[in-house]
Amino acid sequence: MGVISLDDLGLVEYATNNGRDAGNLLTTWRSRQPEVALQHFMHGQGEKLHMPQWVTDTFSQVVDELVEQQTSYLENFPDSPPAAS
């Protein structure tokens, strides 16, 4: 049994979405450079590293919710000064 981080799982998801064999990727990583983080191993292999789609979707959803909250606040309290950052 192997344990990988959520970030590593996202990298594996991205790689498999682009046609990579997840089992082969993990086996190669663990046999060649087990002391190296998966991200660094993949980078060294020339892999393009991107965020998995669910991370991008979640980020977009959070931003949309924040914009909606701010818009609602400004509509309900138009004369209040902006909050200090």
C-alpha atoms as a PDB file:
ATOM      1  CA  MET A   1       0.000   0.000   0.000  1.00  0.00           C
ATOM      2  CA  GLY A   2       1.280   3.456  -0.810  1.00  0.00           C
ATOM      3  CA  VAL A   3       0.355   6.793   0.652  1.00  0.00           C
ATOM      4  CA  ILE A   4       0.412   9.969  -1.408  1.00  0.00           C
ATOM      5  CA  SER A   5      -0.719  13.489  -0.638  1.00  0.00           C
ATOM      6  CA  LEU A   6      -3.820  15.170  -1.997  1.00  0.00           C
ATOM      7  CA  ASP A   7      -1.534  17.333  -4.166  1.00  0.00           C
ATOM      8  CA  ASP A   8       0.119  14.210  -5.564  1.00  0.00           C
ATOM      9  CA  LEU A   9      -3.292  12.709  -6.244  1.00  0.00           C
ATOM     10  CA  GLY A  10      -4.165  15.845  -8.210  1.00  0.00           C
ATOM     11  CA  LEU A  11      -0.983  15.497 -10.260  1.00  0.00           C
ATOM     12  CA  VAL A  12      -1.804  11.860 -10.983  1.00  0.00           C
ATOM     13  CA  GLU A  13      -5.354  12.857 -11.963  1.00  0.00           C
ATOM     14  CA  TYR A  14      -4.017  15.469 -14.382  1.00  0.00           C
ATOM     15  CA  ALA A  15      -1.512  13.020 -15.864  1.00  0.00           C
ATOM     16  CA  THR A  16      -4.154  10.328 -16.400  1.00  0.00           C
ATOM     17  CA  ASN A  17      -6.522  12.856 -17.961  1.00  0.00           C
ATOM     18  CA  ASN A  18      -3.749  13.466 -20.478  1.00  0.00           C
ATOM     19  CA  GLY A  19      -3.279   9.808 -21.330  1.00  0.00           C
ATOM     20  CA  ARG A  20      -0.632   8.734 -18.830  1.00  0.00           C
ATOM     21  CA  ASP A  21      -0.831   5.341 -17.133  1.00  0.00           C
ATOM     22  CA  ALA A  22      -1.201   6.187 -13.432  1.00  0.00           C
ATOM     23  CA  GLY A  23       0.153   2.845 -12.257  1.00  0.00           C
ATOM     24  CA  ASN A  24       3.213   3.131 -14.469  1.00  0.00           C
ATOM     25  CA  LEU A  25       3.801   6.742 -13.387  1.00  0.00           C
ATOM     26  CA  LEU A  26       3.689   5.870  -9.683  1.00  0.00           C
ATOM     27  CA  THR A  27       5.758   2.701 -10.096  1.00  0.00           C
ATOM     28  CA  THR A  28       8.419   4.536 -12.095  1.00  0.00           C
ATOM     29  CA  TRP A  29       8.554   7.370  -9.557  1.00  0.00           C
ATOM     30  CA  ARG A  30       8.859   5.051  -6.549  1.00  0.00           C
ATOM     31  CA  SER A  31      11.443   2.803  -8.194  1.00  0.00           C
ATOM     32  CA  ARG A  32      13.664   5.526  -9.662  1.00  0.00           C
ATOM     33  CA  GLN A  33      13.462   8.398  -7.173  1.00  0.00           C
ATOM     34  CA  PRO A  34      11.372   7.572  -4.098  1.00  0.00           C
ATOM     35  CA  GLU A  35      13.097  10.315  -2.096  1.00  0.00           C
ATOM     36  CA  VAL A  36      11.918  13.021  -4.517  1.00  0.00           C
ATOM     37  CA  ALA A  37       8.465  14.620  -4.398  1.00  0.00           C
ATOM     38  CA  LEU A  38       6.185  13.471  -7.220  1.00  0.00           C
ATOM     39  CA  GLN A  39       5.966  17.032  -8.538  1.00  0.00           C
ATOM     40  CA  HIS A  40       9.751  17.255  -8.855  1.00  0.00           C
ATOM     41  CA  PHE A  41       9.980  13.795 -10.410  1.00  0.00           C
ATOM     42  CA  MET A  42       7.346  14.655 -13.020  1.00  0.00           C
ATOM     43  CA  HIS A  43       9.019  17.979 -13.763  1.00  0.00           C
ATOM     44  CA  GLY A  44      12.329  16.183 -14.219  1.00  0.00           C
ATOM     45  CA  GLN A  45      10.621  13.822 -16.663  1.00  0.00           C
ATOM     46  CA  GLY A  46       9.482  16.812 -18.743  1.00  0.00           C
ATOM     47  CA  GLU A  47       5.842  16.603 -17.655  1.00  0.00           C
ATOM     48  CA  LYS A  48       3.772  19.762 -17.791  1.00  0.00           C
ATOM     49  CA  LEU A  49       2.327  20.388 -14.354  1.00  0.00           C
ATOM     50  CA  HIS A  50      -1.072  22.012 -14.010  1.00  0.00           C
ATOM     51  CA  MET A  51      -3.759  22.167 -11.375  1.00  0.00           C
ATOM     52  CA  PRO A  52      -6.404  19.473 -11.622  1.00  0.00           C
ATOM     53  CA  GLN A  53      -9.751  20.669 -12.956  1.00  0.00           C
ATOM     54  CA  TRP A  54     -11.526  20.297  -9.599  1.00  0.00           C
ATOM     55  CA  VAL A  55      -9.037  22.727  -8.008  1.00  0.00           C
ATOM     56  CA  THR A  56      -9.641  25.276 -10.764  1.00  0.00           C
ATOM     57  CA  ASP A  57     -13.420  24.801 -10.474  1.00  0.00           C
ATOM     58  CA  THR A  58     -13.353  25.164  -6.678  1.00  0.00           C
ATOM     59  CA  PHE A  59     -11.243  28.322  -6.893  1.00  0.00           C
ATOM     60  CA  SER A  60     -13.615  29.805  -9.469  1.00  0.00           C
ATOM     61  CA  GLN A  61     -16.615  28.950  -7.294  1.00  0.00           C
ATOM     62  CA  VAL A  62     -15.052  30.594  -4.220  1.00  0.00           C
ATOM     63  CA  VAL A  63     -14.234  33.763  -6.199  1.00  0.00           C
ATOM     64  CA  ASP A  64     -17.778  33.893  -7.597  1.00  0.00           C
ATOM     65  CA  GLU A  65     -19.228  33.531  -4.090  1.00  0.00           C
ATOM     66  CA  LEU A  66     -17.003  36.321  -2.741  1.00  0.00           C
ATOM     67  CA  VAL A  67     -18.022  38.647  -5.576  1.00  0.00           C
ATOM     68  CA  GLU A  68     -21.675  37.837  -4.910  1.00  0.00           C
ATOM     69  CA  GLN A  69     -21.273  38.552  -1.188  1.00  0.00           C
ATOM     70  CA  GLN A  70     -19.544  41.873  -1.847  1.00  0.00           C
ATOM     71  CA  THR A  71     -22.142  42.887  -4.414  1.00  0.00           C
ATOM     72  CA  SER A  72     -24.954  42.022  -2.008  1.00  0.00           C
ATOM     73  CA  TYR A  73     -23.267  43.975   0.774  1.00  0.00           C
ATOM     74  CA  LEU A  74     -22.812  47.046  -1.418  1.00  0.00           C
ATOM     75  CA  GLU A  75     -26.442  46.876  -2.549  1.00  0.00           C
ATOM     76  CA  ASN A  76     -27.697  46.637   1.062  1.00  0.00           C
ATOM     77  CA  PHE A  77     -25.283  49.188   2.553  1.00  0.00           C
ATOM     78  CA  PRO A  78     -24.426  51.645  -0.250  1.00  0.00           C
ATOM     79  CA  ASP A  79     -23.333  54.467   2.093  1.00  0.00           C
ATOM     80  CA  SER A  80     -21.036  52.477   4.337  1.00  0.00           C
ATOM     81  CA  PRO A  81     -17.288  52.947   3.945  1.00  0.00           C
ATOM     82  CA  PRO A  82     -15.271  50.023   2.616  1.00  0.00           C
ATOM     83  CA  ALA A  83     -13.795  47.728   5.243  1.00  0.00           C
ATOM     84  CA  ALA A  84     -10.108  48.173   6.018  1.00  0.00           C
ATOM     85  CA  SER A  85      -7.834  45.476   4.624  1.00  0.00           C
END
